[in-house]
PDB file of N, CA and C in Angstrom:
ATOM      1  N   MET A   1      10.533 -16.438 -42.078  1.00  0.00           N
ATOM      2  CA  MET A   1       9.153 -16.505 -41.688  1.00  0.00           C
ATOM      3  C   MET A   1       8.938 -15.597 -40.472  1.00  0.00           C
ATOM      4  N   LYS A   2       7.937 -14.779 -40.521  1.00  0.00           N
ATOM      5  CA  LYS A   2       7.632 -13.850 -39.446  1.00  0.00           C
ATOM      6  C   LYS A   2       6.682 -14.514 -38.450  1.00  0.00           C
ATOM      7  N   THR A   3       7.005 -14.374 -37.165  1.00  0.00           N
ATOM      8  CA  THR A   3       6.112 -14.905 -36.135  1.00  0.00           C
ATOM      9  C   THR A   3       5.444 -13.746 -35.418  1.00  0.00           C
ATOM     10  N   ASN A   4       4.214 -13.937 -35.038  1.00  0.00           N
ATOM     11  CA  ASN A   4       3.481 -12.926 -34.279  1.00  0.00           C
ATOM     12  C   ASN A   4       3.537 -13.287 -32.807  1.00  0.00           C
ATOM     13  N   ARG A   5       4.038 -12.373 -32.026  1.00  0.00           N
ATOM     14  CA  ARG A   5       4.098 -12.590 -30.581  1.00  0.00           C
ATOM     15  C   ARG A   5       2.744 -12.243 -29.971  1.00  0.00           C
ATOM     16  N   ILE A   6       2.381 -12.979 -28.952  1.00  0.00           N
ATOM     17  CA  ILE A   6       1.142 -12.717 -28.227  1.00  0.00           C
ATOM     18  C   ILE A   6       1.527 -12.112 -26.891  1.00  0.00           C
ATOM     19  N   PHE A   7       1.089 -10.888 -26.651  1.00  0.00           N
ATOM     20  CA  PHE A   7       1.407 -10.206 -25.413  1.00  0.00           C
ATOM     21  C   PHE A   7       0.197 -10.197 -24.480  1.00  0.00           C
ATOM     22  N   ALA A   8       0.466 -10.053 -23.205  1.00  0.00           N
ATOM     23  CA  ALA A   8      -0.572 -10.089 -22.181  1.00  0.00           C
ATOM     24  C   ALA A   8      -1.667  -9.050 -22.431  1.00  0.00           C
ATOM     25  N   GLU A   9      -1.299  -7.896 -22.962  1.00  0.00           N
ATOM     26  CA  GLU A   9      -2.284  -6.839 -23.190  1.00  0.00           C
ATOM     27  C   GLU A   9      -3.294  -7.212 -24.272  1.00  0.00           C
ATOM     28  N   ASP A  10      -2.939  -8.155 -25.138  1.00  0.00           N
ATOM     29  CA  ASP A  10      -3.757  -8.471 -26.300  1.00  0.00           C
ATOM     30  C   ASP A  10      -4.732  -9.628 -26.106  1.00  0.00           C
ATOM     31  N   ILE A  11      -4.696 -10.306 -24.971  1.00  0.00           N
ATOM     32  CA  ILE A  11      -5.530 -11.508 -24.838  1.00  0.00           C
ATOM     33  C   ILE A  11      -6.582 -11.367 -23.741  1.00  0.00           C
ATOM     34  N   LYS A  12      -7.706 -11.979 -23.980  1.00  0.00           N
ATOM     35  CA  LYS A  12      -8.780 -12.064 -22.989  1.00  0.00           C
ATOM     36  C   LYS A  12      -8.916 -13.498 -22.489  1.00  0.00           C
ATOM     37  N   ALA A  13      -8.568 -14.476 -23.343  1.00  0.00           N
ATOM     38  CA  ALA A  13      -8.579 -15.895 -22.996  1.00  0.00           C
ATOM     39  C   ALA A  13      -7.276 -16.511 -23.495  1.00  0.00           C
ATOM     40  N   CYS A  14      -6.799 -17.521 -22.822  1.00  0.00           N
ATOM     41  CA  CYS A  14      -5.549 -18.182 -23.191  1.00  0.00           C
ATOM     42  C   CYS A  14      -5.664 -18.786 -24.584  1.00  0.00           C
ATOM     43  N   PRO A  15      -4.775 -18.411 -25.504  1.00  0.00           N
ATOM     44  CA  PRO A  15      -4.816 -18.967 -26.855  1.00  0.00           C
ATOM     45  C   PRO A  15      -4.562 -20.478 -26.889  1.00  0.00           C
ATOM     46  N   LYS A  16      -3.871 -20.999 -25.885  1.00  0.00           N
ATOM     47  CA  LYS A  16      -3.534 -22.419 -25.858  1.00  0.00           C
ATOM     48  C   LYS A  16      -4.704 -23.289 -25.382  1.00  0.00           C
ATOM     49  N   CYS A  17      -5.397 -22.870 -24.303  1.00  0.00           N
ATOM     50  CA  CYS A  17      -6.449 -23.724 -23.735  1.00  0.00           C
ATOM     51  C   CYS A  17      -7.814 -23.059 -23.639  1.00  0.00           C
ATOM     52  N   GLY A  18      -7.890 -21.736 -23.813  1.00  0.00           N
ATOM     53  CA  GLY A  18      -9.167 -21.033 -23.776  1.00  0.00           C
ATOM     54  C   GLY A  18      -9.594 -20.547 -22.404  1.00  0.00           C
ATOM     55  N   SER A  19      -8.813 -20.821 -21.379  1.00  0.00           N
ATOM     56  CA  SER A  19      -9.155 -20.399 -20.017  1.00  0.00           C
ATOM     57  C   SER A  19      -9.083 -18.876 -19.893  1.00  0.00           C
ATOM     58  N   THR A  20      -9.882 -18.318 -18.996  1.00  0.00           N
ATOM     59  CA  THR A  20      -9.839 -16.879 -18.729  1.00  0.00           C
ATOM     60  C   THR A  20      -9.323 -16.594 -17.323  1.00  0.00           C
ATOM     61  N   ASP A  21      -8.774 -17.604 -16.665  1.00  0.00           N
ATOM     62  CA  ASP A  21      -8.252 -17.483 -15.306  1.00  0.00           C
ATOM     63  C   ASP A  21      -6.734 -17.325 -15.371  1.00  0.00           C
ATOM     64  N   PHE A  22      -6.241 -16.133 -15.005  1.00  0.00           N
ATOM     65  CA  PHE A  22      -4.817 -15.837 -15.111  1.00  0.00           C
ATOM     66  C   PHE A  22      -4.235 -15.394 -13.782  1.00  0.00           C
ATOM     67  N   TYR A  23      -2.950 -15.680 -13.596  1.00  0.00           N
ATOM     68  CA  TYR A  23      -2.157 -15.178 -12.487  1.00  0.00           C
ATOM     69  C   TYR A  23      -1.369 -13.986 -13.006  1.00  0.00           C
ATOM     70  N   GLN A  24      -1.386 -12.873 -12.278  1.00  0.00           N
ATOM     71  CA  GLN A  24      -0.652 -11.676 -12.704  1.00  0.00           C
ATOM     72  C   GLN A  24       0.755 -11.686 -12.121  1.00  0.00           C
ATOM     73  N   ASP A  25       1.750 -11.478 -12.953  1.00  0.00           N
ATOM     74  CA  ASP A  25       3.146 -11.379 -12.550  1.00  0.00           C
ATOM     75  C   ASP A  25       3.474  -9.899 -12.428  1.00  0.00           C
ATOM     76  N   LEU A  26       3.639  -9.418 -11.196  1.00  0.00           N
ATOM     77  CA  LEU A  26       3.894  -8.003 -10.950  1.00  0.00           C
ATOM     78  C   LEU A  26       5.319  -7.801 -10.466  1.00  0.00           C
ATOM     79  N   ALA A  27       5.903  -6.670 -10.799  1.00  0.00           N
ATOM     80  CA  ALA A  27       7.248  -6.318 -10.348  1.00  0.00           C
ATOM     81  C   ALA A  27       7.218  -4.897  -9.819  1.00  0.00           C
ATOM     82  N   GLY A  28       8.108  -4.611  -8.917  1.00  0.00           N
ATOM     83  CA  GLY A  28       8.197  -3.273  -8.365  1.00  0.00           C
ATOM     84  C   GLY A  28       8.272  -3.309  -6.860  1.00  0.00           C
ATOM     85  N   GLY A  29       7.972  -2.183  -6.265  1.00  0.00           N
ATOM     86  CA  GLY A  29       8.031  -2.071  -4.817  1.00  0.00           C
ATOM     87  C   GLY A  29       6.711  -1.568  -4.269  1.00  0.00           C
ATOM     88  N   GLU A  30       6.769  -1.029  -3.071  1.00  0.00           N
ATOM     89  CA  GLU A  30       5.549  -0.543  -2.425  1.00  0.00           C
ATOM     90  C   GLU A  30       4.937   0.653  -3.145  1.00  0.00           C
ATOM     91  N   ASP A  31       5.770   1.507  -3.696  1.00  0.00           N
ATOM     92  CA  ASP A  31       5.288   2.733  -4.323  1.00  0.00           C
ATOM     93  C   ASP A  31       4.888   2.562  -5.782  1.00  0.00           C
ATOM     94  N   TYR A  32       5.473   1.561  -6.459  1.00  0.00           N
ATOM     95  CA  TYR A  32       5.227   1.424  -7.887  1.00  0.00           C
ATOM     96  C   TYR A  32       5.195  -0.053  -8.261  1.00  0.00           C
ATOM     97  N   MET A  33       4.079  -0.505  -8.801  1.00  0.00           N
ATOM     98  CA  MET A  33       3.953  -1.890  -9.260  1.00  0.00           C
ATOM     99  C   MET A  33       3.662  -1.861 -10.754  1.00  0.00           C
ATOM    100  N   GLU A  34       4.275  -2.796 -11.473  1.00  0.00           N
ATOM    101  CA  GLU A  34       4.096  -2.869 -12.917  1.00  0.00           C
ATOM    102  C   GLU A  34       3.791  -4.311 -13.305  1.00  0.00           C
ATOM    103  N   LEU A  35       2.831  -4.488 -14.198  1.00  0.00           N
ATOM    104  CA  LEU A  35       2.512  -5.809 -14.716  1.00  0.00           C
ATOM    105  C   LEU A  35       3.608  -6.228 -15.686  1.00  0.00           C
ATOM    106  N   VAL A  36       4.212  -7.391 -15.428  1.00  0.00           N
ATOM    107  CA  VAL A  36       5.293  -7.896 -16.268  1.00  0.00           C
ATOM    108  C   VAL A  36       4.761  -8.961 -17.225  1.00  0.00           C
ATOM    109  N   GLY A  37       3.740  -9.674 -16.788  1.00  0.00           N
ATOM    110  CA  GLY A  37       3.153 -10.716 -17.619  1.00  0.00           C
ATOM    111  C   GLY A  37       2.014 -11.403 -16.890  1.00  0.00           C
ATOM    112  N   ILE A  38       1.396 -12.359 -17.573  1.00  0.00           N
ATOM    113  CA  ILE A  38       0.339 -13.154 -16.965  1.00  0.00           C
ATOM    114  C   ILE A  38       0.591 -14.624 -17.287  1.00  0.00           C
ATOM    115  N   ALA A  39       0.168 -15.495 -16.383  1.00  0.00           N
ATOM    116  CA  ALA A  39       0.303 -16.936 -16.588  1.00  0.00           C
ATOM    117  C   ALA A  39      -1.081 -17.561 -16.463  1.00  0.00           C
ATOM    118  N   CYS A  40      -1.400 -18.464 -17.358  1.00  0.00           N
ATOM    119  CA  CYS A  40      -2.681 -19.156 -17.329  1.00  0.00           C
ATOM    120  C   CYS A  40      -2.700 -20.118 -16.146  1.00  0.00           C
ATOM    121  N   ASN A  41      -3.724 -20.025 -15.316  1.00  0.00           N
ATOM    122  CA  ASN A  41      -3.839 -20.931 -14.171  1.00  0.00           C
ATOM    123  C   ASN A  41      -4.217 -22.345 -14.594  1.00  0.00           C
ATOM    124  N   ASN A  42      -4.743 -22.522 -15.779  1.00  0.00           N
ATOM    125  CA  ASN A  42      -5.160 -23.845 -16.244  1.00  0.00           C
ATOM    126  C   ASN A  42      -4.000 -24.629 -16.862  1.00  0.00           C
ATOM    127  N   CYS A  43      -3.306 -24.060 -17.853  1.00  0.00           N
ATOM    128  CA  CYS A  43      -2.246 -24.800 -18.555  1.00  0.00           C
ATOM    129  C   CYS A  43      -0.837 -24.321 -18.205  1.00  0.00           C
ATOM    130  N   GLY A  44      -0.719 -23.159 -17.550  1.00  0.00           N
ATOM    131  CA  GLY A  44       0.585 -22.658 -17.136  1.00  0.00           C
ATOM    132  C   GLY A  44       1.327 -21.846 -18.182  1.00  0.00           C
ATOM    133  N   GLU A  45       0.730 -21.634 -19.355  1.00  0.00           N
ATOM    134  CA  GLU A  45       1.388 -20.852 -20.413  1.00  0.00           C
ATOM    135  C   GLU A  45       1.588 -19.414 -19.929  1.00  0.00           C
ATOM    136  N   TYR A  46       2.776 -18.856 -20.189  1.00  0.00           N
ATOM    137  CA  TYR A  46       3.123 -17.512 -19.725  1.00  0.00           C
ATOM    138  C   TYR A  46       3.134 -16.541 -20.904  1.00  0.00           C
ATOM    139  N   TYR A  47       2.514 -15.381 -20.704  1.00  0.00           N
ATOM    140  CA  TYR A  47       2.471 -14.333 -21.727  1.00  0.00           C
ATOM    141  C   TYR A  47       2.998 -13.044 -21.115  1.00  0.00           C
ATOM    142  N   PRO A  48       4.169 -12.557 -21.580  1.00  0.00           N
ATOM    143  CA  PRO A  48       4.708 -11.309 -21.039  1.00  0.00           C
ATOM    144  C   PRO A  48       3.979 -10.106 -21.628  1.00  0.00           C
ATOM    145  N   THR A  49       4.071  -8.983 -20.936  1.00  0.00           N
ATOM    146  CA  THR A  49       3.587  -7.739 -21.528  1.00  0.00           C
ATOM    147  C   THR A  49       4.595  -7.339 -22.594  1.00  0.00           C
ATOM    148  N   GLU A  50       4.204  -6.443 -23.476  1.00  0.00           N
ATOM    149  CA  GLU A  50       5.131  -6.007 -24.525  1.00  0.00           C
ATOM    150  C   GLU A  50       6.352  -5.346 -23.911  1.00  0.00           C
ATOM    151  N   ARG A  51       6.141  -4.509 -22.929  1.00  0.00           N
ATOM    152  CA  ARG A  51       7.262  -3.835 -22.266  1.00  0.00           C
ATOM    153  C   ARG A  51       8.116  -4.843 -21.493  1.00  0.00           C
ATOM    154  N   GLY A  52       7.476  -5.802 -20.858  1.00  0.00           N
ATOM    155  CA  GLY A  52       8.211  -6.828 -20.129  1.00  0.00           C
ATOM    156  C   GLY A  52       9.062  -7.680 -21.053  1.00  0.00           C
ATOM    157  N   TRP A  53       8.565  -7.997 -22.228  1.00  0.00           N
ATOM    158  CA  TRP A  53       9.320  -8.801 -23.181  1.00  0.00           C
ATOM    159  C   TRP A  53      10.510  -8.024 -23.734  1.00  0.00           C
ATOM    160  N   ILE A  54      10.307  -6.762 -24.039  1.00  0.00           N
ATOM    161  CA  ILE A  54      11.380  -5.926 -24.578  1.00  0.00           C
ATOM    162  C   ILE A  54      12.482  -5.740 -23.540  1.00  0.00           C
ATOM    163  N   ASN A  55      12.108  -5.589 -22.269  1.00  0.00           N
ATOM    164  CA  ASN A  55      13.071  -5.302 -21.204  1.00  0.00           C
ATOM    165  C   ASN A  55      13.557  -6.539 -20.462  1.00  0.00           C
ATOM    166  N   LYS A  56      13.230  -7.748 -20.914  1.00  0.00           N
ATOM    167  CA  LYS A  56      13.530  -8.948 -20.131  1.00  0.00           C
ATOM    168  C   LYS A  56      15.013  -9.170 -19.884  1.00  0.00           C
ATOM    169  N   ASP A  57      15.886  -8.780 -20.810  1.00  0.00           N
ATOM    170  CA  ASP A  57      17.312  -8.989 -20.633  1.00  0.00           C
ATOM    171  C   ASP A  57      18.064  -7.720 -20.258  1.00  0.00           C
ATOM    172  N   LYS A  58      17.322  -6.650 -20.066  1.00  0.00           N
ATOM    173  CA  LYS A  58      17.947  -5.357 -19.817  1.00  0.00           C
ATOM    174  C   LYS A  58      17.952  -5.051 -18.321  1.00  0.00           C
ATOM    175  N   GLU A  59      19.073  -4.623 -17.827  1.00  0.00           N
ATOM    176  CA  GLU A  59      19.165  -4.211 -16.435  1.00  0.00           C
ATOM    177  C   GLU A  59      18.544  -2.817 -16.279  1.00  0.00           C
ATOM    178  N   PRO A  60      17.880  -2.543 -15.151  1.00  0.00           N
ATOM    179  CA  PRO A  60      17.301  -1.200 -14.946  1.00  0.00           C
ATOM    180  C   PRO A  60      18.398  -0.132 -14.938  1.00  0.00           C
ATOM    181  N   THR A  61      18.083   1.002 -15.472  1.00  0.00           N
ATOM    182  CA  THR A  61      19.020   2.124 -15.473  1.00  0.00           C
ATOM    183  C   THR A  61      18.389   3.284 -14.723  1.00  0.00           C
ATOM    184  N   ASP A  62      19.184   4.300 -14.472  1.00  0.00           N
ATOM    185  CA  ASP A  62      18.650   5.496 -13.815  1.00  0.00           C
ATOM    186  C   ASP A  62      17.534   6.104 -14.640  1.00  0.00           C
ATOM    187  N   ILE A  63      17.648   6.075 -15.962  1.00  0.00           N
ATOM    188  CA  ILE A  63      16.620   6.640 -16.832  1.00  0.00           C
ATOM    189  C   ILE A  63      15.310   5.870 -16.654  1.00  0.00           C
ATOM    190  N   ASP A  64      15.377   4.531 -16.613  1.00  0.00           N
ATOM    191  CA  ASP A  64      14.185   3.722 -16.414  1.00  0.00           C
ATOM    192  C   ASP A  64      13.537   4.011 -15.063  1.00  0.00           C
ATOM    193  N   GLU A  65      14.362   4.126 -14.014  1.00  0.00           N
ATOM    194  CA  GLU A  65      13.829   4.390 -12.680  1.00  0.00           C
ATOM    195  C   GLU A  65      13.169   5.759 -12.610  1.00  0.00           C
ATOM    196  N   ASN A  66      13.766   6.779 -13.246  1.00  0.00           N
ATOM    197  CA  ASN A  66      13.172   8.110 -13.256  1.00  0.00           C
ATOM    198  C   ASN A  66      11.857   8.109 -14.016  1.00  0.00           C
ATOM    199  N   LYS A  67      11.789   7.379 -15.127  1.00  0.00           N
ATOM    200  CA  LYS A  67      10.563   7.291 -15.902  1.00  0.00           C
ATOM    201  C   LYS A  67       9.470   6.630 -15.082  1.00  0.00           C
ATOM    202  N   ALA A  68       9.819   5.567 -14.345  1.00  0.00           N
ATOM    203  CA  ALA A  68       8.844   4.858 -13.531  1.00  0.00           C
ATOM    204  C   ALA A  68       8.284   5.766 -12.433  1.00  0.00           C
ATOM    205  N   GLU A  69       9.124   6.618 -11.871  1.00  0.00           N
ATOM    206  CA  GLU A  69       8.657   7.531 -10.827  1.00  0.00           C
ATOM    207  C   GLU A  69       7.677   8.549 -11.355  1.00  0.00           C
ATOM    208  N   LYS A  70       7.819   8.969 -12.624  1.00  0.00           N
ATOM    209  CA  LYS A  70       6.930   9.975 -13.213  1.00  0.00           C
ATOM    210  C   LYS A  70       5.594   9.388 -13.619  1.00  0.00           C
ATOM    211  N   GLU A  71       5.544   8.080 -13.928  1.00  0.00           N
ATOM    212  CA  GLU A  71       4.304   7.461 -14.414  1.00  0.00           C
ATOM    213  C   GLU A  71       3.315   7.220 -13.307  1.00  0.00           C
TER     214      GLU A  71
END
């Protein structure tokens, strides 16, 4: 059975409770910030970004850091 993942980029309201109030989960430093996911302030459900979900278990590499500097 195929499941459809819900990513932060795809939602305007929380699919679980309907709230539109979200907390943004950001990662990075002073020079570069990236959205990793959002959490609903009402029910607490967490939705990662597609890139954040793909990279969740991956350690940063020099290639990733160089790409981040160019973006």
